[in-house]
């Protein structure tokens, strides 16, 4: 069973609506790991498992109402994102995702580098590195990147995972995280630059 075409996805959704256990297991196998990453990025490790379980319950209960205005994957990620933010509110952390962008003052990541519309004042380096495959083969660099990714502010981490790892469109990320297009681009750029700093430092010093 695959979901590589609209026909395949329509058939899968029909199976889900009819309560096909095998279809649900297939969807869980495809998307559970990413949903867990998004839950962790927004709400932290402590609540992530519960959030994703609650999200799957919501999917099961509401799949018949899925209007197919987006892909099934985007719908699933929107549900888990909403569940994660609801958990934050429940834990008395009344902060919007846009406010959790982790803007650092006094660095090249601060607001002075952005125009009023959210675009950069000056062009920034492209998100690529020389011989990326060779670099990623180095275990220590992988450790540095993973550690840095885990330390990113929630909104940056979630936006980076969705854009640069999962290749979601900016439009879909706006829907999933309920933030503006301008803020999504800023969040992704900040995450990229932070990781690029880690890579540059590693290439110069051999450590994080």
N, C-alpha and C. Protein backbone atom coordinates (compact mmCIF):
# COMPACT_ATOMS: atom_id res chain seq x y z
N UNK A 1 0.85 -1.20 0.00
CA UNK A 1 0.00 0.00 0.00
C UNK A 1 0.88 1.24 0.00
N UNK A 2 0.63 2.19 -0.89
CA UNK A 2 1.41 3.41 -0.95
C UNK A 2 0.48 4.61 -0.98
N UNK A 3 1.04 5.77 -0.74
CA UNK A 3 0.26 7.01 -0.78
C UNK A 3 0.95 8.01 -1.69
N UNK A 4 1.52 7.53 -2.78
CA UNK A 4 2.32 8.38 -3.64
C UNK A 4 1.49 9.14 -4.66
N UNK A 5 0.21 8.77 -4.86
CA UNK A 5 -0.65 9.47 -5.80
C UNK A 5 -1.94 9.86 -5.11
N UNK A 6 -2.68 10.80 -5.73
CA UNK A 6 -3.94 11.24 -5.15
C UNK A 6 -4.95 10.09 -5.09
N UNK A 7 -4.89 9.20 -6.09
CA UNK A 7 -5.79 8.05 -6.10
C UNK A 7 -5.50 7.13 -4.92
N UNK A 8 -4.20 6.86 -4.71
CA UNK A 8 -3.81 6.02 -3.58
C UNK A 8 -4.29 6.62 -2.26
N UNK A 9 -4.09 7.94 -2.11
CA UNK A 9 -4.47 8.58 -0.85
C UNK A 9 -5.98 8.56 -0.67
N UNK A 10 -6.72 8.79 -1.74
CA UNK A 10 -8.18 8.74 -1.65
C UNK A 10 -8.66 7.36 -1.21
N UNK A 11 -8.02 6.32 -1.76
CA UNK A 11 -8.38 4.96 -1.37
C UNK A 11 -8.04 4.71 0.09
N UNK A 12 -6.88 5.22 0.52
CA UNK A 12 -6.46 5.04 1.91
C UNK A 12 -7.43 5.75 2.85
N UNK A 13 -7.82 6.97 2.51
CA UNK A 13 -8.75 7.73 3.35
C UNK A 13 -10.09 6.99 3.44
N UNK A 14 -10.55 6.45 2.31
CA UNK A 14 -11.80 5.69 2.31
C UNK A 14 -11.71 4.49 3.24
N UNK A 15 -10.56 3.84 3.24
CA UNK A 15 -10.36 2.70 4.13
C UNK A 15 -10.36 3.13 5.59
N UNK A 16 -9.73 4.28 5.86
CA UNK A 16 -9.71 4.80 7.23
C UNK A 16 -11.13 5.13 7.70
N UNK A 17 -11.91 5.74 6.83
CA UNK A 17 -13.28 6.12 7.18
C UNK A 17 -14.11 4.88 7.52
N UNK A 18 -13.83 3.78 6.82
CA UNK A 18 -14.57 2.54 7.06
C UNK A 18 -13.97 1.73 8.21
N UNK A 19 -13.00 2.31 8.92
CA UNK A 19 -12.46 1.65 10.11
C UNK A 19 -11.54 0.49 9.84
N UNK A 20 -10.86 0.53 8.70
CA UNK A 20 -9.93 -0.54 8.34
C UNK A 20 -8.70 -0.49 9.25
N UNK A 21 -8.54 -1.50 10.09
CA UNK A 21 -7.42 -1.53 11.05
C UNK A 21 -6.07 -1.55 10.34
N UNK A 22 -5.97 -2.28 9.25
CA UNK A 22 -4.72 -2.35 8.53
C UNK A 22 -4.33 -0.99 7.96
N UNK A 23 -5.31 -0.24 7.48
CA UNK A 23 -5.06 1.10 6.95
C UNK A 23 -4.55 2.02 8.05
N UNK A 24 -5.16 1.92 9.24
CA UNK A 24 -4.70 2.75 10.36
C UNK A 24 -3.28 2.39 10.77
N UNK A 25 -3.00 1.09 10.80
CA UNK A 25 -1.64 0.68 11.15
C UNK A 25 -0.63 1.20 10.12
N UNK A 26 -1.03 1.20 8.88
CA UNK A 26 -0.16 1.70 7.81
C UNK A 26 0.11 3.20 8.00
N UNK A 27 -0.94 3.96 8.27
CA UNK A 27 -0.78 5.41 8.46
C UNK A 27 0.06 5.71 9.69
N UNK A 28 -0.15 4.96 10.75
CA UNK A 28 0.65 5.15 11.96
C UNK A 28 2.11 4.86 11.69
N UNK A 29 2.38 3.79 10.95
CA UNK A 29 3.77 3.45 10.62
C UNK A 29 4.42 4.55 9.78
N UNK A 30 3.65 5.17 8.91
CA UNK A 30 4.19 6.22 8.05
C UNK A 30 4.48 7.52 8.80
N UNK A 31 3.60 7.90 9.70
CA UNK A 31 3.63 9.27 10.22
C UNK A 31 3.88 9.40 11.72
N UNK A 32 3.86 8.31 12.47
CA UNK A 32 3.98 8.43 13.93
C UNK A 32 5.29 9.11 14.34
N UNK A 33 6.39 8.71 13.74
CA UNK A 33 7.70 9.25 14.13
C UNK A 33 7.75 10.76 13.92
N UNK A 34 7.27 11.24 12.76
CA UNK A 34 7.27 12.68 12.50
C UNK A 34 6.34 13.40 13.46
N UNK A 35 5.18 12.85 13.71
CA UNK A 35 4.26 13.48 14.65
C UNK A 35 4.88 13.59 16.03
N UNK A 36 5.62 12.56 16.43
CA UNK A 36 6.31 12.60 17.72
C UNK A 36 7.37 13.70 17.74
N UNK A 37 8.09 13.86 16.63
CA UNK A 37 9.10 14.93 16.55
C UNK A 37 8.47 16.31 16.66
N UNK A 38 7.34 16.49 16.01
CA UNK A 38 6.65 17.79 16.07
C UNK A 38 6.14 18.04 17.49
N UNK A 39 5.58 17.03 18.11
CA UNK A 39 5.09 17.18 19.49
C UNK A 39 6.24 17.53 20.43
N UNK A 40 7.38 16.87 20.26
CA UNK A 40 8.55 17.17 21.09
C UNK A 40 9.04 18.59 20.85
N UNK A 41 9.04 19.00 19.58
CA UNK A 41 9.55 20.34 19.25
C UNK A 41 8.70 21.42 19.91
N UNK A 42 7.39 21.22 19.95
CA UNK A 42 6.49 22.24 20.48
C UNK A 42 6.33 22.16 21.99
N UNK A 43 6.15 20.95 22.51
CA UNK A 43 5.78 20.81 23.92
C UNK A 43 6.83 20.15 24.79
N UNK A 44 7.88 19.59 24.19
CA UNK A 44 8.93 18.94 24.97
C UNK A 44 8.74 17.44 25.10
N UNK A 45 9.81 16.78 25.52
CA UNK A 45 9.81 15.32 25.58
C UNK A 45 8.80 14.74 26.58
N UNK A 46 8.58 15.44 27.67
CA UNK A 46 7.75 14.90 28.75
C UNK A 46 6.33 14.61 28.27
N UNK A 47 5.80 15.51 27.44
CA UNK A 47 4.40 15.38 27.04
C UNK A 47 4.22 14.77 25.66
N UNK A 48 5.28 14.58 24.92
CA UNK A 48 5.17 14.22 23.50
C UNK A 48 4.39 12.93 23.26
N UNK A 49 4.71 11.88 24.01
CA UNK A 49 4.02 10.60 23.79
C UNK A 49 2.51 10.72 24.01
N UNK A 50 2.13 11.38 25.09
CA UNK A 50 0.71 11.56 25.38
C UNK A 50 0.03 12.38 24.29
N UNK A 51 0.71 13.42 23.84
CA UNK A 51 0.15 14.29 22.80
C UNK A 51 -0.13 13.51 21.53
N UNK A 52 0.82 12.69 21.12
CA UNK A 52 0.64 11.93 19.88
C UNK A 52 -0.46 10.89 20.03
N UNK A 53 -0.53 10.26 21.20
CA UNK A 53 -1.62 9.31 21.43
C UNK A 53 -2.97 10.00 21.35
N UNK A 54 -3.06 11.18 21.95
CA UNK A 54 -4.30 11.96 21.88
C UNK A 54 -4.61 12.36 20.44
N UNK A 55 -3.57 12.68 19.68
CA UNK A 55 -3.76 13.05 18.28
C UNK A 55 -4.33 11.89 17.48
N UNK A 56 -3.79 10.68 17.71
CA UNK A 56 -4.30 9.52 16.98
C UNK A 56 -5.75 9.22 17.34
N UNK A 57 -6.11 9.41 18.60
CA UNK A 57 -7.51 9.23 19.00
C UNK A 57 -8.39 10.23 18.25
N UNK A 58 -7.91 11.47 18.15
CA UNK A 58 -8.65 12.50 17.43
C UNK A 58 -8.79 12.15 15.95
N UNK A 59 -7.71 11.63 15.37
CA UNK A 59 -7.75 11.21 13.96
C UNK A 59 -8.81 10.14 13.78
N UNK A 60 -8.80 9.14 14.63
CA UNK A 60 -9.75 8.03 14.54
C UNK A 60 -11.20 8.53 14.62
N UNK A 61 -11.43 9.47 15.53
CA UNK A 61 -12.78 9.97 15.74
C UNK A 61 -13.26 10.90 14.62
N UNK A 62 -12.29 11.60 13.99
CA UNK A 62 -12.68 12.67 13.07
C UNK A 62 -12.34 12.42 11.61
N UNK A 63 -11.80 11.26 11.27
CA UNK A 63 -11.40 11.02 9.90
C UNK A 63 -12.57 11.16 8.93
N UNK A 64 -13.76 10.81 9.36
CA UNK A 64 -14.93 10.92 8.47
C UNK A 64 -15.24 12.37 8.13
N UNK A 65 -14.77 13.30 8.96
CA UNK A 65 -15.02 14.73 8.71
C UNK A 65 -13.87 15.41 7.97
N UNK A 66 -12.83 14.64 7.62
CA UNK A 66 -11.69 15.20 6.89
C UNK A 66 -12.16 15.70 5.52
N UNK A 67 -12.02 17.00 5.28
CA UNK A 67 -12.56 17.63 4.07
C UNK A 67 -11.60 17.60 2.89
N UNK A 68 -10.38 17.09 3.11
CA UNK A 68 -9.39 16.90 2.04
C UNK A 68 -8.97 18.21 1.37
N UNK A 69 -8.98 19.29 2.17
CA UNK A 69 -8.46 20.57 1.66
C UNK A 69 -6.94 20.58 1.65
N UNK A 70 -6.35 19.63 2.33
CA UNK A 70 -4.89 19.47 2.35
C UNK A 70 -4.62 17.98 2.19
N UNK A 71 -3.34 17.63 2.17
CA UNK A 71 -2.99 16.21 2.14
C UNK A 71 -3.30 15.60 3.50
N UNK A 72 -3.39 14.28 3.53
CA UNK A 72 -3.62 13.59 4.79
C UNK A 72 -2.49 13.86 5.77
N UNK A 73 -1.25 13.88 5.27
CA UNK A 73 -0.10 14.15 6.12
C UNK A 73 -0.20 15.52 6.77
N UNK A 74 -0.55 16.53 6.00
CA UNK A 74 -0.68 17.88 6.55
C UNK A 74 -1.78 17.93 7.60
N UNK A 75 -2.87 17.25 7.35
CA UNK A 75 -3.98 17.21 8.31
C UNK A 75 -3.53 16.57 9.61
N UNK A 76 -2.80 15.45 9.51
CA UNK A 76 -2.30 14.78 10.71
C UNK A 76 -1.36 15.68 11.50
N UNK A 77 -0.46 16.36 10.80
CA UNK A 77 0.50 17.23 11.48
C UNK A 77 -0.19 18.44 12.11
N UNK A 78 -1.24 18.92 11.47
CA UNK A 78 -2.01 20.02 12.05
C UNK A 78 -2.67 19.58 13.35
N UNK A 79 -3.21 18.38 13.37
CA UNK A 79 -3.84 17.85 14.58
C UNK A 79 -2.84 17.74 15.71
N UNK A 80 -1.67 17.15 15.43
CA UNK A 80 -0.69 16.97 16.51
C UNK A 80 -0.14 18.32 16.97
N UNK A 81 0.02 19.26 16.05
CA UNK A 81 0.47 20.60 16.42
C UNK A 81 -0.54 21.26 17.35
N UNK A 82 -1.82 21.16 17.00
CA UNK A 82 -2.86 21.75 17.84
C UNK A 82 -2.92 21.08 19.21
N UNK A 83 -2.74 19.76 19.22
CA UNK A 83 -2.74 19.04 20.50
C UNK A 83 -1.57 19.48 21.37
N UNK A 84 -0.42 19.67 20.74
CA UNK A 84 0.77 20.09 21.49
C UNK A 84 0.58 21.48 22.09
N UNK A 85 0.03 22.39 21.28
CA UNK A 85 -0.19 23.75 21.79
C UNK A 85 -1.27 23.77 22.87
N UNK A 86 -2.26 22.90 22.73
CA UNK A 86 -3.29 22.80 23.77
C UNK A 86 -2.68 22.31 25.08
N UNK A 87 -1.72 21.38 24.98
CA UNK A 87 -1.06 20.88 26.19
C UNK A 87 -0.26 22.00 26.86
N UNK A 88 0.39 22.84 26.04
CA UNK A 88 1.12 23.97 26.61
C UNK A 88 0.19 24.88 27.39
N UNK A 89 -0.98 25.15 26.80
CA UNK A 89 -1.94 26.00 27.50
C UNK A 89 -2.40 25.32 28.78
N UNK A 90 -2.62 24.04 28.74
CA UNK A 90 -3.05 23.29 29.92
C UNK A 90 -2.01 23.34 31.02
N UNK A 91 -0.75 23.39 30.62
CA UNK A 91 0.34 23.46 31.60
C UNK A 91 0.67 24.89 31.99
N UNK A 92 -0.27 25.80 31.71
CA UNK A 92 -0.14 27.21 32.09
C UNK A 92 1.06 27.89 31.45
N UNK A 93 1.40 27.46 30.26
CA UNK A 93 2.46 28.13 29.51
C UNK A 93 1.78 28.89 28.37
N UNK A 94 1.17 29.99 28.75
CA UNK A 94 0.35 30.75 27.82
C UNK A 94 1.22 31.60 26.89
N UNK A 95 1.86 30.92 25.97
CA UNK A 95 2.74 31.62 25.03
C UNK A 95 2.42 31.12 23.64
N UNK A 96 2.21 32.04 22.69
CA UNK A 96 1.94 31.62 21.32
C UNK A 96 3.21 31.09 20.68
N UNK A 97 3.05 30.25 19.66
CA UNK A 97 4.20 29.67 19.00
C UNK A 97 5.06 30.76 18.38
N UNK A 98 4.45 31.81 17.86
CA UNK A 98 5.22 32.89 17.25
C UNK A 98 6.09 33.60 18.29
N UNK A 99 5.66 33.58 19.55
CA UNK A 99 6.44 34.23 20.61
C UNK A 99 7.58 33.35 21.08
N UNK A 100 7.58 32.08 20.68
CA UNK A 100 8.62 31.15 21.10
C UNK A 100 9.67 30.96 20.02
N UNK A 101 9.95 32.04 19.26
CA UNK A 101 10.89 31.89 18.15
C UNK A 101 12.34 31.94 18.60
N UNK A 102 12.57 32.28 19.88
CA UNK A 102 13.92 32.25 20.40
C UNK A 102 14.81 33.33 19.84
N UNK A 103 14.26 34.49 19.53
CA UNK A 103 15.07 35.56 18.96
C UNK A 103 16.16 35.96 19.93
N UNK A 104 17.36 35.97 19.45
CA UNK A 104 18.50 36.33 20.29
C UNK A 104 18.93 37.75 19.98
N UNK A 105 19.09 38.56 21.00
CA UNK A 105 19.53 39.92 20.79
C UNK A 105 21.04 39.98 20.79
N UNK A 106 21.57 40.96 20.06
CA UNK A 106 23.00 41.16 20.05
C UNK A 106 23.75 40.15 19.21
N UNK A 107 23.07 39.42 18.34
CA UNK A 107 23.74 38.47 17.47
C UNK A 107 23.22 38.65 16.06
N UNK A 108 23.81 37.91 15.10
CA UNK A 108 23.33 38.09 13.75
C UNK A 108 21.98 37.40 13.53
N UNK A 109 21.39 36.85 14.59
CA UNK A 109 20.05 36.30 14.50
C UNK A 109 19.00 37.28 15.02
N UNK A 110 19.41 38.45 15.49
CA UNK A 110 18.42 39.30 16.14
C UNK A 110 17.58 40.07 15.11
N UNK A 111 16.54 40.77 15.62
CA UNK A 111 15.57 41.44 14.77
C UNK A 111 16.14 42.53 13.90
N UNK A 112 17.29 43.05 14.24
CA UNK A 112 17.88 44.13 13.45
C UNK A 112 18.23 43.66 12.04
N UNK A 113 18.35 42.35 11.85
CA UNK A 113 18.70 41.82 10.55
C UNK A 113 17.50 41.58 9.65
N UNK A 114 16.28 41.92 10.15
CA UNK A 114 15.07 41.67 9.37
C UNK A 114 14.34 42.97 9.07
N UNK A 115 13.76 43.06 7.87
CA UNK A 115 12.93 44.18 7.49
C UNK A 115 11.57 44.05 8.17
N UNK A 116 10.75 45.08 8.01
CA UNK A 116 9.43 45.06 8.64
C UNK A 116 8.56 43.92 8.11
N UNK A 117 8.81 43.52 6.84
CA UNK A 117 8.00 42.45 6.27
C UNK A 117 8.54 41.07 6.58
N UNK A 118 9.61 41.00 7.39
CA UNK A 118 10.15 39.72 7.80
C UNK A 118 11.27 39.19 6.94
N UNK A 119 11.60 39.86 5.83
CA UNK A 119 12.69 39.42 4.98
C UNK A 119 14.02 39.95 5.52
N UNK A 120 15.10 39.31 5.07
CA UNK A 120 16.42 39.68 5.56
C UNK A 120 16.87 41.03 5.00
N UNK A 121 17.59 41.82 5.82
CA UNK A 121 18.13 43.09 5.36
C UNK A 121 19.17 42.86 4.27
N UNK A 122 19.97 41.82 4.42
CA UNK A 122 20.98 41.47 3.44
C UNK A 122 20.84 39.99 3.12
N UNK A 123 21.36 39.59 1.97
CA UNK A 123 21.27 38.19 1.58
C UNK A 123 22.05 37.34 2.58
N UNK A 124 21.57 36.11 2.78
CA UNK A 124 22.21 35.21 3.73
C UNK A 124 22.78 34.02 2.98
N UNK A 125 23.67 33.29 3.59
CA UNK A 125 24.23 32.11 2.92
C UNK A 125 23.15 31.09 2.61
N UNK A 126 23.31 30.38 1.49
CA UNK A 126 22.39 29.32 1.15
C UNK A 126 22.57 28.15 2.13
N UNK A 127 21.47 27.39 2.35
CA UNK A 127 21.55 26.25 3.26
C UNK A 127 22.16 25.08 2.51
N UNK A 128 23.45 25.11 2.36
CA UNK A 128 24.16 23.96 1.82
C UNK A 128 25.58 24.02 2.33
N UNK A 129 26.25 22.89 2.31
CA UNK A 129 27.62 22.83 2.75
C UNK A 129 28.40 22.00 1.76
N UNK A 130 29.67 22.24 1.69
CA UNK A 130 30.51 21.50 0.77
C UNK A 130 30.64 20.06 1.24
N UNK A 131 30.43 19.14 0.29
CA UNK A 131 30.52 17.70 0.58
C UNK A 131 29.67 17.32 1.80
N UNK A 132 28.35 17.56 1.77
CA UNK A 132 27.53 17.28 2.94
C UNK A 132 27.54 15.81 3.33
N UNK A 133 27.58 14.92 2.36
CA UNK A 133 27.58 13.50 2.70
C UNK A 133 28.81 13.13 3.52
N UNK A 134 29.95 13.69 3.10
CA UNK A 134 31.19 13.38 3.83
C UNK A 134 31.13 13.94 5.24
N UNK A 135 30.57 15.14 5.39
CA UNK A 135 30.47 15.74 6.71
C UNK A 135 29.55 14.93 7.62
N UNK A 136 28.43 14.51 7.08
CA UNK A 136 27.46 13.81 7.91
C UNK A 136 27.90 12.40 8.29
N UNK A 137 28.95 11.92 7.62
CA UNK A 137 29.49 10.62 8.00
C UNK A 137 30.26 10.70 9.30
N UNK A 138 30.63 11.91 9.69
CA UNK A 138 31.38 12.09 10.91
C UNK A 138 30.44 12.04 12.11
N UNK A 139 30.64 11.08 12.96
CA UNK A 139 29.74 10.86 14.09
C UNK A 139 29.68 12.05 15.03
N UNK A 140 30.82 12.68 15.26
CA UNK A 140 30.84 13.81 16.18
C UNK A 140 30.02 14.98 15.63
N UNK A 141 30.12 15.20 14.32
CA UNK A 141 29.34 16.29 13.73
C UNK A 141 27.85 15.98 13.83
N UNK A 142 27.48 14.74 13.58
CA UNK A 142 26.08 14.35 13.74
C UNK A 142 25.60 14.64 15.16
N UNK A 143 26.46 14.31 16.11
CA UNK A 143 26.11 14.57 17.52
C UNK A 143 25.91 16.07 17.75
N UNK A 144 26.79 16.89 17.22
CA UNK A 144 26.69 18.34 17.39
C UNK A 144 25.40 18.88 16.77
N UNK A 145 25.10 18.41 15.56
CA UNK A 145 23.90 18.89 14.87
C UNK A 145 22.65 18.45 15.62
N UNK A 146 22.60 17.19 16.03
CA UNK A 146 21.43 16.69 16.75
C UNK A 146 21.24 17.43 18.07
N UNK A 147 22.34 17.66 18.78
CA UNK A 147 22.24 18.38 20.05
C UNK A 147 21.73 19.79 19.84
N UNK A 148 22.26 20.46 18.81
CA UNK A 148 21.83 21.83 18.52
C UNK A 148 20.38 21.87 18.10
N UNK A 149 19.96 20.91 17.28
CA UNK A 149 18.57 20.85 16.85
C UNK A 149 17.64 20.70 18.05
N UNK A 150 18.04 19.87 19.01
CA UNK A 150 17.22 19.65 20.20
C UNK A 150 17.17 20.88 21.11
N UNK A 151 18.18 21.75 20.99
CA UNK A 151 18.23 22.95 21.83
C UNK A 151 17.56 24.16 21.18
N UNK A 152 17.16 24.02 19.92
CA UNK A 152 16.49 25.14 19.25
C UNK A 152 15.18 25.46 19.95
N UNK A 153 14.77 26.73 19.95
CA UNK A 153 13.46 27.07 20.49
C UNK A 153 12.37 26.28 19.76
N UNK A 154 11.26 25.98 20.43
CA UNK A 154 10.24 25.10 19.85
C UNK A 154 9.79 25.48 18.44
N UNK A 155 9.49 26.76 18.21
CA UNK A 155 8.98 27.15 16.89
C UNK A 155 10.03 26.96 15.81
N UNK A 156 11.28 27.30 16.11
CA UNK A 156 12.36 27.11 15.14
C UNK A 156 12.53 25.64 14.80
N UNK A 157 12.55 24.81 15.82
CA UNK A 157 12.77 23.38 15.60
C UNK A 157 11.64 22.79 14.76
N UNK A 158 10.41 23.11 15.12
CA UNK A 158 9.26 22.58 14.38
C UNK A 158 9.27 23.04 12.93
N UNK A 159 9.53 24.33 12.72
CA UNK A 159 9.55 24.86 11.35
C UNK A 159 10.68 24.25 10.54
N UNK A 160 11.86 24.08 11.15
CA UNK A 160 13.00 23.50 10.45
C UNK A 160 12.73 22.05 10.07
N UNK A 161 12.19 21.27 11.00
CA UNK A 161 11.88 19.87 10.71
C UNK A 161 10.91 19.77 9.54
N UNK A 162 9.86 20.58 9.59
CA UNK A 162 8.84 20.51 8.55
C UNK A 162 9.36 20.95 7.19
N UNK A 163 10.20 22.00 7.17
CA UNK A 163 10.66 22.54 5.89
C UNK A 163 11.86 21.80 5.34
N UNK A 164 12.92 21.67 6.13
CA UNK A 164 14.18 21.17 5.58
C UNK A 164 14.35 19.66 5.70
N UNK A 165 13.62 19.03 6.59
CA UNK A 165 13.71 17.58 6.71
C UNK A 165 12.53 16.91 6.00
N UNK A 166 11.33 17.45 6.23
CA UNK A 166 10.14 16.84 5.63
C UNK A 166 9.72 17.48 4.31
N UNK A 167 10.37 18.60 3.94
CA UNK A 167 10.11 19.26 2.66
C UNK A 167 8.65 19.69 2.51
N UNK A 168 8.02 20.09 3.61
CA UNK A 168 6.67 20.63 3.53
C UNK A 168 6.71 22.03 2.91
N UNK A 169 5.66 22.41 2.22
CA UNK A 169 5.59 23.74 1.64
C UNK A 169 5.40 24.77 2.75
N UNK A 170 5.79 26.03 2.46
CA UNK A 170 5.59 27.09 3.45
C UNK A 170 4.10 27.24 3.77
N UNK A 171 3.26 27.08 2.75
CA UNK A 171 1.82 27.20 2.97
C UNK A 171 1.32 26.16 3.96
N UNK A 172 1.79 24.92 3.78
CA UNK A 172 1.38 23.86 4.70
C UNK A 172 1.91 24.09 6.11
N UNK A 173 3.15 24.60 6.20
CA UNK A 173 3.72 24.85 7.53
C UNK A 173 2.93 25.94 8.25
N UNK A 174 2.51 26.95 7.52
CA UNK A 174 1.67 28.00 8.12
C UNK A 174 0.41 27.38 8.71
N UNK A 175 -0.20 26.47 7.95
CA UNK A 175 -1.43 25.82 8.41
C UNK A 175 -1.16 24.92 9.61
N UNK A 176 -0.08 24.14 9.55
CA UNK A 176 0.22 23.18 10.62
C UNK A 176 0.54 23.89 11.93
N UNK A 177 1.37 24.94 11.86
CA UNK A 177 1.82 25.63 13.08
C UNK A 177 0.97 26.84 13.44
N UNK A 178 0.05 27.22 12.53
CA UNK A 178 -0.80 28.39 12.75
C UNK A 178 0.02 29.65 13.00
N UNK A 179 1.02 29.87 12.15
CA UNK A 179 1.80 31.10 12.19
C UNK A 179 1.81 31.70 10.79
N UNK A 180 2.18 32.96 10.69
CA UNK A 180 2.16 33.64 9.40
C UNK A 180 3.30 33.17 8.51
N UNK A 181 3.14 33.40 7.20
CA UNK A 181 4.19 33.02 6.24
C UNK A 181 5.49 33.74 6.54
N UNK A 182 5.39 35.00 6.92
CA UNK A 182 6.59 35.77 7.25
C UNK A 182 7.33 35.14 8.41
N UNK A 183 6.61 34.76 9.44
CA UNK A 183 7.25 34.17 10.61
C UNK A 183 7.83 32.79 10.32
N UNK A 184 7.16 32.02 9.48
CA UNK A 184 7.70 30.72 9.12
C UNK A 184 9.06 30.88 8.47
N UNK A 185 9.18 31.80 7.53
CA UNK A 185 10.45 32.01 6.83
C UNK A 185 11.54 32.48 7.80
N UNK A 186 11.19 33.36 8.70
CA UNK A 186 12.16 33.84 9.67
C UNK A 186 12.61 32.70 10.59
N UNK A 187 11.67 31.90 11.05
CA UNK A 187 12.00 30.78 11.93
C UNK A 187 12.94 29.79 11.25
N UNK A 188 12.63 29.46 10.00
CA UNK A 188 13.47 28.51 9.27
C UNK A 188 14.87 29.08 9.06
N UNK A 189 14.95 30.35 8.69
CA UNK A 189 16.26 30.98 8.48
C UNK A 189 17.09 30.99 9.76
N UNK A 190 16.45 31.30 10.88
CA UNK A 190 17.19 31.35 12.14
C UNK A 190 17.71 29.96 12.52
N UNK A 191 16.87 28.95 12.33
CA UNK A 191 17.31 27.59 12.62
C UNK A 191 18.48 27.19 11.72
N UNK A 192 18.39 27.52 10.44
CA UNK A 192 19.46 27.19 9.50
C UNK A 192 20.76 27.86 9.90
N UNK A 193 20.68 29.12 10.25
CA UNK A 193 21.90 29.85 10.60
C UNK A 193 22.54 29.30 11.88
N UNK A 194 21.69 28.95 12.83
CA UNK A 194 22.24 28.37 14.06
C UNK A 194 22.99 27.07 13.75
N UNK A 195 22.40 26.23 12.92
CA UNK A 195 23.04 24.97 12.56
C UNK A 195 24.29 25.19 11.72
N UNK A 196 24.25 26.20 10.86
CA UNK A 196 25.43 26.53 10.06
C UNK A 196 26.58 26.99 10.94
N UNK A 197 26.26 27.73 12.01
CA UNK A 197 27.29 28.13 12.96
C UNK A 197 27.96 26.90 13.56
N UNK A 198 27.15 25.90 13.91
CA UNK A 198 27.69 24.68 14.50
C UNK A 198 28.61 23.97 13.51
N UNK A 199 28.18 23.89 12.26
CA UNK A 199 28.99 23.23 11.23
C UNK A 199 30.29 23.98 11.00
N UNK A 200 30.21 25.32 10.91
CA UNK A 200 31.41 26.13 10.73
C UNK A 200 32.38 25.94 11.89
N UNK A 201 31.84 25.98 13.11
CA UNK A 201 32.69 25.82 14.29
C UNK A 201 33.34 24.44 14.31
N UNK A 202 32.57 23.43 13.90
CA UNK A 202 33.11 22.08 13.89
C UNK A 202 34.24 21.94 12.86
N UNK A 203 34.04 22.57 11.69
CA UNK A 203 35.06 22.49 10.66
C UNK A 203 36.35 23.21 11.09
N UNK A 204 36.19 24.25 11.91
CA UNK A 204 37.35 25.02 12.36
C UNK A 204 38.05 24.39 13.55
N UNK A 205 37.25 23.83 14.47
CA UNK A 205 37.84 23.37 15.74
C UNK A 205 37.74 21.86 15.97
N UNK A 206 36.84 21.19 15.22
CA UNK A 206 36.66 19.76 15.43
C UNK A 206 35.78 19.45 16.61
N UNK A 207 35.10 20.46 17.16
CA UNK A 207 34.20 20.24 18.29
C UNK A 207 32.99 21.14 18.14
N UNK A 208 31.97 20.88 18.95
CA UNK A 208 30.74 21.67 18.90
C UNK A 208 31.00 23.11 19.35
